[in-house]
Amino acid sequence: MTFPRGRRILAAVLISVLLLTTACTPKTPGRFDQAQQQSSRQKSGQAVAKDATQGSKLNKFFPAGGDGYQRVYTQEKKGFSEANLKKGGKVVAQLAISDTTSTPSAAAKFSKSTKKVGGYPAVTLGNTQTSILVGKYQVKAISKDPTFTATDREAWIEKFNLDGLAKLK
């Protein structure tokens, strides 16, 4: 299929004009642009207290794997550390330690707790989470597989070095 030379030139000019006009038009602000600008202006790390413990210092209190379980660290930042607990290559639970200095409301939920795990106040959230409060640190186990029960969560929480964590300042 051949076009006369004039039509090819006209098509090239029209495409160039179309590209030029669409590339130079100002972008209409999206619905999230204002929120993005506000969050970009905030100082980074503002949500974490200055005296919160570094996540790398929390790692040593996690239980080691064993009995077919493997512990794999997944996240570490100021005031928080997290590891997946795998069995047979599948994530069955998440284990975490967080410094409640930045989130006092996280510690407040333990004030009415009547249950204890490892000698520390415990709360259960829904069917998948068990947490305890060790000083200013929340230790949490979250089931990611239905085979990992509340009893399993409590047993793994007790495997943390809770007494060592309690002494951490």
N, C-alpha and C. Protein backbone atom coordinates (compact mmCIF):
# COMPACT_ATOMS: atom_id res chain seq x y z
N MET A 1 0.85 -1.17 0.00
CA MET A 1 0.00 0.00 0.00
C MET A 1 0.90 1.24 0.00
N THR A 2 0.74 2.09 -0.95
CA THR A 2 1.57 3.29 -1.04
C THR A 2 0.67 4.51 -0.98
N PHE A 3 1.17 5.49 -0.27
CA PHE A 3 0.45 6.75 -0.19
C PHE A 3 1.19 7.77 -1.02
N PRO A 4 0.45 8.66 -1.61
CA PRO A 4 1.15 9.75 -2.30
C PRO A 4 1.99 10.52 -1.27
N ARG A 5 3.03 11.12 -1.77
CA ARG A 5 3.99 11.81 -0.90
C ARG A 5 3.33 12.87 -0.03
N GLY A 6 2.37 13.56 -0.51
CA GLY A 6 1.69 14.62 0.24
C GLY A 6 0.96 14.08 1.46
N ARG A 7 0.33 12.91 1.32
CA ARG A 7 -0.38 12.32 2.45
C ARG A 7 0.59 11.88 3.55
N ARG A 8 1.74 11.36 3.17
CA ARG A 8 2.73 10.95 4.17
C ARG A 8 3.25 12.15 4.94
N ILE A 9 3.49 13.23 4.24
CA ILE A 9 3.97 14.45 4.91
C ILE A 9 2.90 14.99 5.84
N LEU A 10 1.64 15.00 5.36
CA LEU A 10 0.54 15.48 6.19
C LEU A 10 0.38 14.62 7.45
N ALA A 11 0.47 13.30 7.31
CA ALA A 11 0.36 12.40 8.45
C ALA A 11 1.48 12.65 9.45
N ALA A 12 2.70 12.84 8.98
CA ALA A 12 3.85 13.11 9.85
C ALA A 12 3.66 14.42 10.60
N VAL A 13 3.16 15.45 9.92
CA VAL A 13 2.94 16.76 10.55
C VAL A 13 1.84 16.64 11.62
N LEU A 14 0.74 15.96 11.29
CA LEU A 14 -0.35 15.80 12.26
C LEU A 14 0.10 15.03 13.50
N ILE A 15 0.86 13.98 13.32
CA ILE A 15 1.38 13.22 14.47
C ILE A 15 2.31 14.09 15.30
N SER A 16 3.16 14.88 14.67
CA SER A 16 4.08 15.77 15.39
C SER A 16 3.31 16.80 16.19
N VAL A 17 2.28 17.40 15.60
CA VAL A 17 1.46 18.39 16.29
C VAL A 17 0.74 17.75 17.48
N LEU A 18 0.21 16.55 17.28
CA LEU A 18 -0.49 15.84 18.35
C LEU A 18 0.45 15.56 19.52
N LEU A 19 1.64 15.06 19.22
CA LEU A 19 2.61 14.78 20.28
C LEU A 19 3.05 16.05 20.99
N LEU A 20 3.27 17.11 20.25
CA LEU A 20 3.71 18.37 20.83
C LEU A 20 2.66 18.96 21.75
N THR A 21 1.40 18.95 21.33
CA THR A 21 0.35 19.55 22.16
C THR A 21 0.07 18.72 23.41
N THR A 22 0.10 17.40 23.30
CA THR A 22 -0.19 16.58 24.49
C THR A 22 0.98 16.60 25.46
N ALA A 23 2.19 16.73 24.97
CA ALA A 23 3.36 16.74 25.86
C ALA A 23 3.49 18.07 26.59
N CYS A 24 2.99 19.15 26.03
CA CYS A 24 3.17 20.46 26.62
C CYS A 24 1.99 20.94 27.46
N THR A 25 0.91 20.20 27.50
CA THR A 25 -0.23 20.64 28.30
C THR A 25 0.03 20.33 29.76
N PRO A 26 -0.37 21.26 30.65
CA PRO A 26 -0.14 21.03 32.08
C PRO A 26 -0.98 19.84 32.58
N LYS A 27 -0.40 19.10 33.51
CA LYS A 27 -1.07 17.92 34.05
C LYS A 27 -2.12 18.36 35.06
N THR A 28 -3.29 17.81 34.96
CA THR A 28 -4.36 18.11 35.91
C THR A 28 -4.03 17.41 37.23
N PRO A 29 -4.12 18.12 38.36
CA PRO A 29 -3.80 17.48 39.64
C PRO A 29 -4.73 16.29 39.90
N GLY A 30 -4.13 15.19 40.34
CA GLY A 30 -4.90 13.99 40.66
C GLY A 30 -5.47 14.09 42.07
N ARG A 31 -6.27 13.13 42.44
CA ARG A 31 -6.93 13.20 43.74
C ARG A 31 -5.97 12.97 44.90
N PHE A 32 -4.79 12.40 44.66
CA PHE A 32 -3.84 12.12 45.74
C PHE A 32 -2.67 13.11 45.76
N ASP A 33 -2.62 14.05 44.80
CA ASP A 33 -1.49 14.95 44.71
C ASP A 33 -1.31 15.83 45.94
N GLN A 34 -2.40 16.34 46.51
CA GLN A 34 -2.29 17.19 47.69
C GLN A 34 -1.73 16.42 48.87
N ALA A 35 -2.21 15.21 49.08
CA ALA A 35 -1.70 14.38 50.18
C ALA A 35 -0.22 14.07 49.98
N GLN A 36 0.17 13.80 48.74
CA GLN A 36 1.58 13.52 48.43
C GLN A 36 2.45 14.72 48.75
N GLN A 37 2.00 15.92 48.40
CA GLN A 37 2.77 17.13 48.67
C GLN A 37 2.92 17.35 50.17
N GLN A 38 1.85 17.12 50.94
CA GLN A 38 1.92 17.31 52.38
C GLN A 38 2.88 16.32 53.02
N SER A 39 2.79 15.06 52.62
CA SER A 39 3.67 14.06 53.22
C SER A 39 5.12 14.27 52.81
N SER A 40 5.35 14.82 51.63
CA SER A 40 6.72 15.07 51.17
C SER A 40 7.35 16.21 51.96
N ARG A 41 6.53 17.15 52.42
CA ARG A 41 7.05 18.28 53.19
C ARG A 41 7.41 17.90 54.62
N GLN A 42 6.84 16.83 55.13
CA GLN A 42 7.11 16.42 56.51
C GLN A 42 8.52 15.88 56.61
N LYS A 43 9.09 16.02 57.80
CA LYS A 43 10.42 15.48 58.03
C LYS A 43 10.33 13.96 58.04
N SER A 44 11.30 13.32 57.39
CA SER A 44 11.26 11.85 57.35
C SER A 44 11.54 11.30 58.74
N GLY A 45 10.92 10.17 59.05
CA GLY A 45 11.11 9.53 60.34
C GLY A 45 10.32 10.18 61.45
N GLN A 46 9.47 11.10 61.14
CA GLN A 46 8.73 11.85 62.14
C GLN A 46 7.81 10.95 62.97
N ALA A 47 7.34 9.86 62.40
CA ALA A 47 6.41 9.00 63.11
C ALA A 47 7.10 8.12 64.14
N VAL A 48 8.42 8.01 64.10
CA VAL A 48 9.16 7.18 65.03
C VAL A 48 9.86 8.06 66.05
N ALA A 49 9.69 7.72 67.32
CA ALA A 49 10.31 8.50 68.39
C ALA A 49 11.83 8.45 68.27
N LYS A 50 12.48 9.55 68.66
CA LYS A 50 13.94 9.62 68.56
C LYS A 50 14.62 8.56 69.40
N ASP A 51 14.04 8.22 70.54
CA ASP A 51 14.68 7.26 71.43
C ASP A 51 14.20 5.82 71.21
N ALA A 52 13.52 5.56 70.10
CA ALA A 52 13.09 4.20 69.77
C ALA A 52 14.32 3.34 69.47
N THR A 53 14.26 2.09 69.84
CA THR A 53 15.37 1.16 69.65
C THR A 53 15.53 0.79 68.17
N GLN A 54 16.77 0.72 67.72
CA GLN A 54 17.03 0.31 66.34
C GLN A 54 16.58 -1.15 66.15
N GLY A 55 15.99 -1.42 65.00
CA GLY A 55 15.52 -2.77 64.71
C GLY A 55 16.61 -3.82 64.76
N SER A 56 17.83 -3.45 64.38
CA SER A 56 18.94 -4.41 64.40
C SER A 56 19.25 -4.89 65.81
N LYS A 57 18.98 -4.08 66.82
CA LYS A 57 19.20 -4.49 68.22
C LYS A 57 18.12 -5.46 68.70
N LEU A 58 16.98 -5.47 68.01
CA LEU A 58 15.88 -6.35 68.41
C LEU A 58 16.04 -7.77 67.85
N ASN A 59 16.81 -7.90 66.77
CA ASN A 59 16.94 -9.20 66.10
C ASN A 59 17.46 -10.30 67.02
N LYS A 60 18.36 -9.96 67.92
CA LYS A 60 18.97 -11.00 68.76
C LYS A 60 17.99 -11.64 69.75
N PHE A 61 16.81 -11.07 69.90
CA PHE A 61 15.83 -11.61 70.84
C PHE A 61 14.84 -12.57 70.18
N PHE A 62 14.89 -12.67 68.85
CA PHE A 62 14.00 -13.58 68.12
C PHE A 62 14.42 -15.03 68.36
N PRO A 63 13.45 -15.93 68.34
CA PRO A 63 13.81 -17.34 68.46
C PRO A 63 14.47 -17.85 67.18
N ALA A 64 15.37 -18.81 67.33
CA ALA A 64 15.98 -19.43 66.15
C ALA A 64 14.97 -20.39 65.56
N GLY A 65 15.21 -20.81 64.34
CA GLY A 65 14.36 -21.82 63.72
C GLY A 65 14.62 -23.16 64.38
N GLY A 66 14.13 -24.21 63.79
CA GLY A 66 14.33 -25.56 64.32
C GLY A 66 13.05 -26.36 64.21
N ASP A 67 13.15 -27.67 64.35
CA ASP A 67 12.00 -28.56 64.24
C ASP A 67 11.25 -28.36 62.93
N GLY A 68 12.00 -28.16 61.85
CA GLY A 68 11.39 -27.98 60.54
C GLY A 68 11.01 -26.54 60.23
N TYR A 69 11.22 -25.63 61.17
CA TYR A 69 10.89 -24.22 60.98
C TYR A 69 12.16 -23.45 60.63
N GLN A 70 11.99 -22.43 59.79
CA GLN A 70 13.08 -21.55 59.40
C GLN A 70 12.66 -20.11 59.67
N ARG A 71 13.52 -19.35 60.33
CA ARG A 71 13.25 -17.93 60.60
C ARG A 71 13.96 -17.10 59.53
N VAL A 72 13.21 -16.22 58.86
CA VAL A 72 13.78 -15.38 57.81
C VAL A 72 13.40 -13.92 58.11
N TYR A 73 14.40 -13.09 58.41
CA TYR A 73 14.12 -11.68 58.69
C TYR A 73 13.61 -11.01 57.42
N THR A 74 12.54 -10.22 57.57
CA THR A 74 11.94 -9.57 56.40
C THR A 74 11.98 -8.04 56.46
N GLN A 75 12.00 -7.49 57.68
CA GLN A 75 12.00 -6.04 57.78
C GLN A 75 12.69 -5.62 59.07
N GLU A 76 13.43 -4.54 58.96
CA GLU A 76 14.14 -4.01 60.12
C GLU A 76 14.25 -2.50 59.94
N LYS A 77 13.72 -1.77 60.89
CA LYS A 77 13.83 -0.32 60.85
C LYS A 77 13.80 0.18 62.29
N LYS A 78 13.98 1.44 62.46
CA LYS A 78 14.01 2.00 63.80
C LYS A 78 12.68 1.70 64.51
N GLY A 79 12.77 1.04 65.66
CA GLY A 79 11.59 0.73 66.46
C GLY A 79 10.86 -0.54 66.06
N PHE A 80 11.41 -1.31 65.11
CA PHE A 80 10.65 -2.47 64.62
C PHE A 80 11.56 -3.48 63.93
N SER A 81 11.25 -4.76 64.16
CA SER A 81 11.93 -5.84 63.43
C SER A 81 10.92 -6.96 63.23
N GLU A 82 10.99 -7.60 62.06
CA GLU A 82 10.01 -8.63 61.71
C GLU A 82 10.70 -9.79 60.99
N ALA A 83 10.18 -10.99 61.24
CA ALA A 83 10.69 -12.18 60.56
C ALA A 83 9.53 -13.08 60.17
N ASN A 84 9.68 -13.76 59.05
CA ASN A 84 8.71 -14.79 58.66
C ASN A 84 9.16 -16.11 59.26
N LEU A 85 8.20 -16.91 59.64
CA LEU A 85 8.47 -18.25 60.11
C LEU A 85 7.97 -19.19 59.02
N LYS A 86 8.91 -19.95 58.45
CA LYS A 86 8.57 -20.83 57.33
C LYS A 86 8.66 -22.28 57.76
N LYS A 87 7.79 -23.08 57.17
CA LYS A 87 7.84 -24.53 57.36
C LYS A 87 7.57 -25.16 56.00
N GLY A 88 8.49 -25.98 55.55
CA GLY A 88 8.35 -26.59 54.23
C GLY A 88 8.34 -25.56 53.12
N GLY A 89 9.07 -24.45 53.31
CA GLY A 89 9.14 -23.41 52.30
C GLY A 89 7.95 -22.47 52.27
N LYS A 90 6.97 -22.70 53.14
CA LYS A 90 5.74 -21.90 53.17
C LYS A 90 5.72 -21.03 54.43
N VAL A 91 5.36 -19.75 54.28
CA VAL A 91 5.25 -18.85 55.44
C VAL A 91 4.02 -19.27 56.25
N VAL A 92 4.24 -19.67 57.50
CA VAL A 92 3.13 -20.06 58.37
C VAL A 92 2.81 -18.99 59.40
N ALA A 93 3.80 -18.10 59.68
CA ALA A 93 3.56 -17.04 60.66
C ALA A 93 4.56 -15.91 60.47
N GLN A 94 4.20 -14.75 61.03
CA GLN A 94 5.11 -13.62 61.12
C GLN A 94 5.37 -13.38 62.59
N LEU A 95 6.63 -13.12 62.92
CA LEU A 95 7.03 -12.78 64.28
C LEU A 95 7.56 -11.35 64.26
N ALA A 96 7.22 -10.56 65.26
CA ALA A 96 7.66 -9.16 65.25
C ALA A 96 7.89 -8.65 66.66
N ILE A 97 8.81 -7.70 66.76
CA ILE A 97 9.03 -6.93 67.99
C ILE A 97 8.94 -5.47 67.58
N SER A 98 8.15 -4.70 68.33
CA SER A 98 8.08 -3.27 68.06
C SER A 98 8.21 -2.48 69.36
N ASP A 99 8.89 -1.36 69.25
CA ASP A 99 9.09 -0.45 70.36
C ASP A 99 7.85 0.44 70.43
N THR A 100 7.12 0.39 71.54
CA THR A 100 5.86 1.14 71.65
C THR A 100 6.08 2.60 72.04
N THR A 101 7.33 3.05 72.13
CA THR A 101 7.61 4.45 72.45
C THR A 101 6.91 5.37 71.46
N SER A 102 6.90 4.98 70.20
CA SER A 102 6.29 5.80 69.15
C SER A 102 4.78 5.66 69.09
N THR A 103 4.25 4.56 69.63
CA THR A 103 2.81 4.29 69.57
C THR A 103 2.29 3.87 70.94
N PRO A 104 2.11 4.83 71.84
CA PRO A 104 1.66 4.50 73.20
C PRO A 104 0.32 3.76 73.23
N SER A 105 -0.52 3.97 72.23
CA SER A 105 -1.82 3.28 72.20
C SER A 105 -1.63 1.77 72.04
N ALA A 106 -0.52 1.36 71.42
CA ALA A 106 -0.24 -0.08 71.27
C ALA A 106 -0.02 -0.71 72.64
N ALA A 107 0.63 0.01 73.54
CA ALA A 107 0.88 -0.52 74.89
C ALA A 107 -0.37 -0.44 75.76
N ALA A 108 -1.23 0.54 75.52
CA ALA A 108 -2.42 0.74 76.36
C ALA A 108 -3.38 -0.44 76.33
N LYS A 109 -3.43 -1.16 75.22
CA LYS A 109 -4.38 -2.28 75.11
C LYS A 109 -4.05 -3.42 76.07
N PHE A 110 -2.85 -3.44 76.64
CA PHE A 110 -2.46 -4.50 77.57
C PHE A 110 -2.87 -4.20 79.01
N SER A 111 -3.31 -2.97 79.30
CA SER A 111 -3.62 -2.57 80.68
C SER A 111 -4.78 -3.37 81.28
N LYS A 112 -5.70 -3.83 80.45
CA LYS A 112 -6.86 -4.59 80.96
C LYS A 112 -6.72 -6.09 80.71
N SER A 113 -5.54 -6.51 80.30
CA SER A 113 -5.32 -7.92 79.99
C SER A 113 -5.33 -8.78 81.25
N THR A 114 -6.04 -9.88 81.18
CA THR A 114 -6.06 -10.83 82.30
C THR A 114 -5.24 -12.08 81.94
N LYS A 115 -4.87 -12.20 80.69
CA LYS A 115 -4.13 -13.36 80.21
C LYS A 115 -2.63 -13.05 80.22
N LYS A 116 -1.81 -14.08 80.48
CA LYS A 116 -0.36 -13.92 80.43
C LYS A 116 0.24 -15.01 79.57
N VAL A 117 1.27 -14.64 78.82
CA VAL A 117 2.05 -15.58 78.02
C VAL A 117 3.51 -15.30 78.38
N GLY A 118 4.22 -16.31 78.81
CA GLY A 118 5.62 -16.13 79.21
C GLY A 118 5.77 -15.20 80.39
N GLY A 119 4.71 -15.04 81.18
CA GLY A 119 4.74 -14.17 82.35
C GLY A 119 4.43 -12.71 82.06
N TYR A 120 4.06 -12.40 80.83
CA TYR A 120 3.79 -11.02 80.43
C TYR A 120 2.34 -10.88 79.97
N PRO A 121 1.75 -9.68 80.14
CA PRO A 121 0.35 -9.49 79.72
C PRO A 121 0.19 -9.75 78.22
N ALA A 122 -0.89 -10.46 77.88
CA ALA A 122 -1.13 -10.87 76.50
C ALA A 122 -2.51 -10.46 76.04
N VAL A 123 -2.62 -10.21 74.74
CA VAL A 123 -3.93 -9.97 74.11
C VAL A 123 -3.98 -10.77 72.81
N THR A 124 -5.18 -11.18 72.47
CA THR A 124 -5.41 -11.87 71.21
C THR A 124 -6.30 -10.99 70.36
N LEU A 125 -5.90 -10.77 69.12
CA LEU A 125 -6.69 -9.97 68.19
C LEU A 125 -7.24 -10.89 67.11
N GLY A 126 -8.54 -11.06 67.09
CA GLY A 126 -9.15 -11.93 66.11
C GLY A 126 -8.69 -13.36 66.28
N ASN A 127 -8.63 -14.09 65.19
CA ASN A 127 -8.21 -15.49 65.23
C ASN A 127 -6.77 -15.68 64.80
N THR A 128 -6.06 -14.58 64.49
CA THR A 128 -4.74 -14.75 63.89
C THR A 128 -3.59 -14.06 64.62
N GLN A 129 -3.85 -13.23 65.63
CA GLN A 129 -2.77 -12.48 66.27
C GLN A 129 -2.75 -12.68 67.78
N THR A 130 -1.54 -12.86 68.29
CA THR A 130 -1.31 -12.88 69.73
C THR A 130 -0.13 -11.96 70.00
N SER A 131 -0.29 -11.08 71.00
CA SER A 131 0.76 -10.12 71.35
C SER A 131 0.96 -10.10 72.85
N ILE A 132 2.20 -9.81 73.25
CA ILE A 132 2.48 -9.58 74.67
C ILE A 132 3.24 -8.27 74.79
N LEU A 133 3.24 -7.71 75.99
CA LEU A 133 3.97 -6.48 76.26
C LEU A 133 5.10 -6.80 77.23
N VAL A 134 6.33 -6.58 76.78
CA VAL A 134 7.53 -6.82 77.59
C VAL A 134 8.18 -5.46 77.79
N GLY A 135 7.94 -4.83 78.95
CA GLY A 135 8.43 -3.47 79.16
C GLY A 135 7.78 -2.55 78.16
N LYS A 136 8.61 -1.92 77.31
CA LYS A 136 8.07 -1.03 76.28
C LYS A 136 7.98 -1.71 74.91
N TYR A 137 8.21 -3.02 74.87
CA TYR A 137 8.24 -3.74 73.60
C TYR A 137 7.03 -4.65 73.44
N GLN A 138 6.44 -4.59 72.28
CA GLN A 138 5.34 -5.50 71.94
C GLN A 138 5.93 -6.63 71.11
N VAL A 139 5.68 -7.86 71.54
CA VAL A 139 6.12 -9.04 70.81
C VAL A 139 4.87 -9.67 70.23
N LYS A 140 4.89 -9.93 68.92
CA LYS A 140 3.68 -10.36 68.24
C LYS A 140 3.95 -11.58 67.37
N ALA A 141 2.97 -12.48 67.34
CA ALA A 141 2.99 -13.61 66.42
C ALA A 141 1.68 -13.58 65.65
N ILE A 142 1.77 -13.65 64.33
CA ILE A 142 0.60 -13.57 63.46
C ILE A 142 0.55 -14.82 62.59
N SER A 143 -0.56 -15.55 62.68
CA SER A 143 -0.73 -16.74 61.85
C SER A 143 -0.94 -16.33 60.40
N LYS A 144 -0.22 -16.96 59.49
CA LYS A 144 -0.38 -16.75 58.06
C LYS A 144 -0.92 -17.99 57.37
N ASP A 145 -1.09 -19.05 58.15
CA ASP A 145 -1.59 -20.32 57.64
C ASP A 145 -2.53 -20.88 58.70
N PRO A 146 -3.66 -21.45 58.31
CA PRO A 146 -4.63 -21.96 59.29
C PRO A 146 -4.07 -23.06 60.20
N THR A 147 -3.00 -23.72 59.77
CA THR A 147 -2.41 -24.77 60.60
C THR A 147 -1.63 -24.20 61.78
N PHE A 148 -1.31 -22.92 61.75
CA PHE A 148 -0.57 -22.28 62.83
C PHE A 148 -1.59 -21.67 63.80
N THR A 149 -1.84 -22.35 64.89
CA THR A 149 -2.93 -22.03 65.81
C THR A 149 -2.52 -21.02 66.89
N ALA A 150 -3.47 -20.64 67.72
CA ALA A 150 -3.21 -19.74 68.85
C ALA A 150 -2.21 -20.37 69.81
N THR A 151 -2.30 -21.67 70.00
CA THR A 151 -1.36 -22.39 70.86
C THR A 151 0.05 -22.30 70.28
N ASP A 152 0.17 -22.44 68.96
CA ASP A 152 1.47 -22.31 68.28
C ASP A 152 2.02 -20.89 68.46
N ARG A 153 1.16 -19.90 68.30
CA ARG A 153 1.59 -18.50 68.45
C ARG A 153 2.16 -18.27 69.85
N GLU A 154 1.44 -18.74 70.87
CA GLU A 154 1.90 -18.55 72.25
C GLU A 154 3.21 -19.28 72.49
N ALA A 155 3.33 -20.49 71.96
CA ALA A 155 4.57 -21.26 72.13
C ALA A 155 5.76 -20.53 71.49
N TRP A 156 5.54 -19.96 70.30
CA TRP A 156 6.64 -19.24 69.64
C TRP A 156 6.97 -17.94 70.34
N ILE A 157 5.97 -17.26 70.90
CA ILE A 157 6.24 -16.04 71.67
C ILE A 157 7.12 -16.38 72.87
N GLU A 158 6.85 -17.51 73.51
CA GLU A 158 7.65 -17.92 74.67
C GLU A 158 9.08 -18.30 74.29
N LYS A 159 9.33 -18.57 73.01
CA LYS A 159 10.68 -18.90 72.55
C LYS A 159 11.55 -17.66 72.37
N PHE A 160 10.94 -16.47 72.32
CA PHE A 160 11.73 -15.24 72.26
C PHE A 160 12.54 -15.14 73.55
N ASN A 161 13.64 -14.41 73.52
CA ASN A 161 14.41 -14.13 74.73
C ASN A 161 13.72 -12.97 75.45
N LEU A 162 12.64 -13.29 76.12
CA LEU A 162 11.80 -12.26 76.76
C LEU A 162 12.50 -11.56 77.90
N ASP A 163 13.24 -12.32 78.72
CA ASP A 163 13.94 -11.71 79.84
C ASP A 163 15.04 -10.76 79.36
N GLY A 164 15.73 -11.15 78.30
CA GLY A 164 16.74 -10.27 77.71
C GLY A 164 16.11 -9.01 77.13
N LEU A 165 14.98 -9.16 76.49
CA LEU A 165 14.26 -8.02 75.91
C LEU A 165 13.80 -7.08 77.02
N ALA A 166 13.35 -7.64 78.14
CA ALA A 166 12.87 -6.82 79.27
C ALA A 166 14.00 -5.94 79.83
N LYS A 167 15.24 -6.39 79.72
CA LYS A 167 16.39 -5.64 80.24
C LYS A 167 16.90 -4.60 79.25
N LEU A 168 16.47 -4.69 78.00
CA LEU A 168 16.93 -3.75 76.97
C LEU A 168 16.37 -2.36 77.24
N LYS A 169 17.22 -1.39 77.17
CA LYS A 169 16.79 0.01 77.42
C LYS A 169 16.83 0.81 76.15
